C-alpha atoms as a PDB file:
ATOM      1  CA  MET A   1       0.198   0.135  -0.303  1.00  0.00           C
ATOM      2  CA  SER A   2       1.509   3.310  -1.108  1.00  0.00           C
ATOM      3  CA  TYR A   3       1.474   6.550   1.269  1.00  0.00           C
ATOM      4  CA  ARG A   4      -1.340   8.083  -0.747  1.00  0.00           C
ATOM      5  CA  GLU A   5      -3.622   4.872  -0.734  1.00  0.00           C
ATOM      6  CA  GLY A   6      -2.866   4.995   3.522  1.00  0.00           C
ATOM      7  CA  ILE A   7      -3.705   8.173   3.641  1.00  0.00           C
ATOM      8  CA  ARG A   8      -6.938   8.387   1.798  1.00  0.00           C
ATOM      9  CA  THR A   9      -7.830   4.827   3.800  1.00  0.00           C
ATOM     10  CA  LEU A  10      -7.301   6.516   6.656  1.00  0.00           C
ATOM     11  CA  GLU A  11      -9.420   9.538   5.512  1.00  0.00           C
ATOM     12  CA  TRP A  12     -11.646   7.066   4.680  1.00  0.00           C
ATOM     13  CA  SER A  13     -11.991   5.455   7.875  1.00  0.00           C
ATOM     14  CA  ALA A  14     -11.776   8.725   9.544  1.00  0.00           C
ATOM     15  CA  SER A  15     -14.904  10.199   7.266  1.00  0.00           C
ATOM     16  CA  ALA A  16     -17.000   6.930   7.901  1.00  0.00           C
ATOM     17  CA  ARG A  17     -16.395   7.176  12.005  1.00  0.00           C
ATOM     18  CA  ARG A  18     -17.602  10.437  11.691  1.00  0.00           C
ATOM     19  CA  ARG A  19     -20.729   9.534   9.461  1.00  0.00           C
ATOM     20  CA  ARG A  20     -21.207   6.340  11.978  1.00  0.00           C
ATOM     21  CA  SER A  21     -21.162   8.913  14.698  1.00  0.00           C
ATOM     22  CA  ARG A  22     -23.467  11.274  12.933  1.00  0.00           C
ATOM     23  CA  ALA A  23     -25.998   8.305  12.138  1.00  0.00           C
ATOM     24  CA  ARG A  24     -25.696   7.537  16.104  1.00  0.00           C
ATOM     25  CA  ALA A  25     -26.123  11.104  17.237  1.00  0.00           C
ATOM     26  CA  HIS A  26     -29.098  11.483  14.992  1.00  0.00           C
ATOM     27  CA  VAL A  27     -30.971   7.744  15.886  1.00  0.00           C
ATOM     28  CA  HIS A  28     -29.913   8.776  19.800  1.00  0.00           C
ATOM     29  CA  ALA A  29     -31.587  12.335  18.821  1.00  0.00           C
ATOM     30  CA  GLY A  30     -34.488  10.798  17.312  1.00  0.00           C
ATOM     31  CA  SER A  31     -34.967   8.481  20.244  1.00  0.00           C
ATOM     32  CA  ILE A  32     -35.033  11.550  22.536  1.00  0.00           C
ATOM     33  CA  SER A  33     -37.528  12.853  20.319  1.00  0.00           C
ATOM     34  CA  LEU A  34     -39.755  10.211  20.193  1.00  0.00           C
ATOM     35  CA  MET A  35     -39.732  10.001  24.111  1.00  0.00           C
ATOM     36  CA  LEU A  36     -40.154  13.674  24.372  1.00  0.00           C
ATOM     37  CA  THR A  37     -43.210  13.775  22.171  1.00  0.00           C
ATOM     38  CA  LEU A  38     -44.360  10.567  24.391  1.00  0.00           C
ATOM     39  CA  GLY A  39     -43.844  12.351  27.501  1.00  0.00           C
ATOM     40  CA  LEU A  40     -45.693  15.283  26.260  1.00  0.00           C
ATOM     41  CA  LEU A  41     -48.561  13.279  25.377  1.00  0.00           C
ATOM     42  CA  VAL A  42     -48.790  11.203  28.888  1.00  0.00           C
ATOM     43  CA  VAL A  43     -48.635  14.377  30.526  1.00  0.00           C
ATOM     44  CA  ALA A  44     -51.671  15.770  28.268  1.00  0.00           C
ATOM     45  CA  ALA A  45     -53.431  12.820  28.604  1.00  0.00           C
ATOM     46  CA  GLY A  46     -53.364  13.461  32.264  1.00  0.00           C
ATOM     47  CA  LEU A  47     -54.229  17.005  32.323  1.00  0.00           C
ATOM     48  CA  CYS A  48     -57.593  15.983  30.233  1.00  0.00           C
ATOM     49  CA  PHE A  49     -58.466  13.058  32.364  1.00  0.00           C
ATOM     50  CA  LEU A  50     -57.892  15.445  35.276  1.00  0.00           C
ATOM     51  CA  TYR A  51     -60.011  18.157  33.729  1.00  0.00           C
ATOM     52  CA  VAL A  52     -62.720  15.604  33.134  1.00  0.00           C
ATOM     53  CA  GLN A  53     -62.689  14.062  36.450  1.00  0.00           C
ATOM     54  CA  GLN A  54     -62.867  17.726  37.782  1.00  0.00           C
ATOM     55  CA  SER A  55     -65.657  18.601  35.886  1.00  0.00           C
ATOM     56  CA  THR A  56     -67.576  15.556  36.790  1.00  0.00           C
ATOM     57  CA  ALA A  57     -67.330  16.169  40.531  1.00  0.00           C
ATOM     58  CA  LEU A  58     -68.174  19.754  40.119  1.00  0.00           C
ATOM     59  CA  ARG A  59     -71.067  18.535  38.452  1.00  0.00           C
ATOM     60  CA  SER A  60     -71.976  16.282  41.427  1.00  0.00           C
ATOM     61  CA  LEU A  61     -71.329  18.746  44.000  1.00  0.00           C
ATOM     62  CA  THR A  62     -73.623  21.635  42.231  1.00  0.00           C
ATOM     63  CA  ALA A  63     -76.718  18.650  42.135  1.00  0.00           C
ATOM     64  CA  GLN A  64     -75.880  18.302  45.827  1.00  0.00           C
ATOM     65  CA  CYS A  65     -76.183  21.714  46.642  1.00  0.00           C
ATOM     66  CA  GLU A  66     -78.949  22.307  44.322  1.00  0.00           C
ATOM     67  CA  ASP A  67     -80.730  19.437  46.352  1.00  0.00           C
ATOM     68  CA  THR A  68     -80.165  20.712  49.849  1.00  0.00           C
ATOM     69  CA  ARG A  69     -81.735  24.428  48.666  1.00  0.00           C
ATOM     70  CA  GLN A  70     -84.801  22.316  47.576  1.00  0.00           C
ATOM     71  CA  ALA A  71     -84.784  20.652  50.800  1.00  0.00           C
ATOM     72  CA  LEU A  72     -84.122  24.053  52.869  1.00  0.00           C
ATOM     73  CA  ALA A  73     -87.124  25.259  51.100  1.00  0.00           C
ATOM     74  CA  GLU A  74     -89.320  22.447  51.648  1.00  0.00           C
ATOM     75  CA  ALA A  75     -88.201  22.443  55.340  1.00  0.00           C
ATOM     76  CA  ARG A  76     -89.193  26.066  55.662  1.00  0.00           C
ATOM     77  CA  GLU A  77     -92.736  25.580  54.505  1.00  0.00           C
ATOM     78  CA  ILE A  78     -93.328  22.719  56.966  1.00  0.00           C
ATOM     79  CA  ASN A  79     -91.800  25.041  59.620  1.00  0.00           C
ATOM     80  CA  ALA A  80     -94.129  28.085  58.168  1.00  0.00           C
ATOM     81  CA  ALA A  81     -97.174  25.664  58.105  1.00  0.00           C
ATOM     82  CA  LEU A  82     -96.408  24.283  62.009  1.00  0.00           C
ATOM     83  CA  ALA A  83     -95.525  27.872  63.410  1.00  0.00           C
ATOM     84  CA  TYR A  84     -99.360  28.824  61.776  1.00  0.00           C
ATOM     85  CA  GLU A  85    -100.617  25.403  63.617  1.00  0.00           C
ATOM     86  CA  ILE A  86     -99.098  26.557  66.789  1.00  0.00           C
ATOM     87  CA  ASP A  87    -100.564  29.834  67.148  1.00  0.00           C
ATOM     88  CA  HIS A  88    -103.911  28.461  66.169  1.00  0.00           C
ATOM     89  CA  THR A  89    -103.941  25.881  68.137  1.00  0.00           C
ATOM     90  CA  PHE A  90    -102.748  28.015  71.356  1.00  0.00           C
ATOM     91  CA  SER A  91    -105.240  31.149  70.667  1.00  0.00           C
ATOM     92  CA  LEU A  92    -107.633  31.765  73.706  1.00  0.00           C
ATOM     93  CA  GLN A  93    -110.272  31.779  71.843  1.00  0.00           C
ATOM     94  CA  ARG A  94    -110.121  28.035  70.460  1.00  0.00           C
ATOM     95  CA  ILE A  95    -108.996  26.863  73.651  1.00  0.00           C
ATOM     96  CA  ALA A  96    -112.477  28.728  75.143  1.00  0.00           C
ATOM     97  CA  ASP A  97    -114.333  27.095  72.426  1.00  0.00           C
ATOM     98  CA  PHE A  98    -112.797  23.601  72.696  1.00  0.00           C
ATOM     99  CA  ALA A  99    -113.869  23.902  76.870  1.00  0.00           C
ATOM    100  CA  ARG A 100    -117.590  24.735  76.006  1.00  0.00           C
ATOM    101  CA  ASN A 101    -118.206  22.250  73.268  1.00  0.00           C
ATOM    102  CA  ARG A 102    -116.040  19.016  74.165  1.00  0.00           C
ATOM    103  CA  LEU A 103    -115.800  19.533  78.058  1.00  0.00           C
ATOM    104  CA  GLY A 104    -119.135  20.824  78.710  1.00  0.00           C
ATOM    105  CA  MET A 105    -117.962  24.132  80.688  1.00  0.00           C
ATOM    106  CA  ILE A 106    -119.949  27.165  80.660  1.00  0.00           C
ATOM    107  CA  GLU A 107    -119.117  30.874  81.675  1.00  0.00           C
ATOM    108  CA  PRO A 108    -120.248  31.727  85.067  1.00  0.00           C
ATOM    109  CA  THR A 109    -122.877  33.928  84.791  1.00  0.00           C
ATOM    110  CA  THR A 110    -123.123  35.221  88.652  1.00  0.00           C
ATOM    111  CA  ILE A 111    -120.065  35.989  90.681  1.00  0.00           C
ATOM    112  CA  ARG A 112    -120.913  34.937  94.398  1.00  0.00           C
ATOM    113  CA  TYR A 113    -118.671  36.563  97.309  1.00  0.00           C
ATOM    114  CA  VAL A 114    -118.465  34.706 100.268  1.00  0.00           C
ATOM    115  CA  GLN A 115    -117.885  37.570 103.209  1.00  0.00           C
ATOM    116  CA  ARG A 116    -115.530  35.989 105.941  1.00  0.00           C
ATOM    117  CA  THR A 117    -116.548  37.269 109.592  1.00  0.00           C
ATOM    118  CA  HIS A 118    -112.996  36.979 111.223  1.00  0.00           C
ATOM    119  CA  ALA A 119    -109.639  35.980 110.207  1.00  0.00           C
ATOM    120  CA  PRO A 120    -108.394  32.672 111.332  1.00  0.00           C
ATOM    121  CA  GLY A 121    -105.770  32.888 114.283  1.00  0.00           C
ATOM    122  CA  SER A 122    -107.021  35.929 115.721  1.00  0.00           C
END
């Protein structure tokens, strides 16, 4: 092998090594790019899942809040009806009517006073 052929061989082998190194770097960069893309896709999918989960939880809590408001309105209506019934039940006129009609009581027509002649013990 001549000197020139040896230099060409060395140049060729150095050139081939550089090409192989570049190819490996290109493959390595491609795999890094692929891994970054997959990582971003996983993060995006996780965020989408989190959004759907939070939306579902928010809808559920909103429905519970509305149910609670309806139950509170019903309880207030019942409370108002019971307060009216209590006021109506304990009115003096109703008690007097109950005493006359159900118990047969009558209002006194004459009032008799008993006069004491002397105080006891004196």
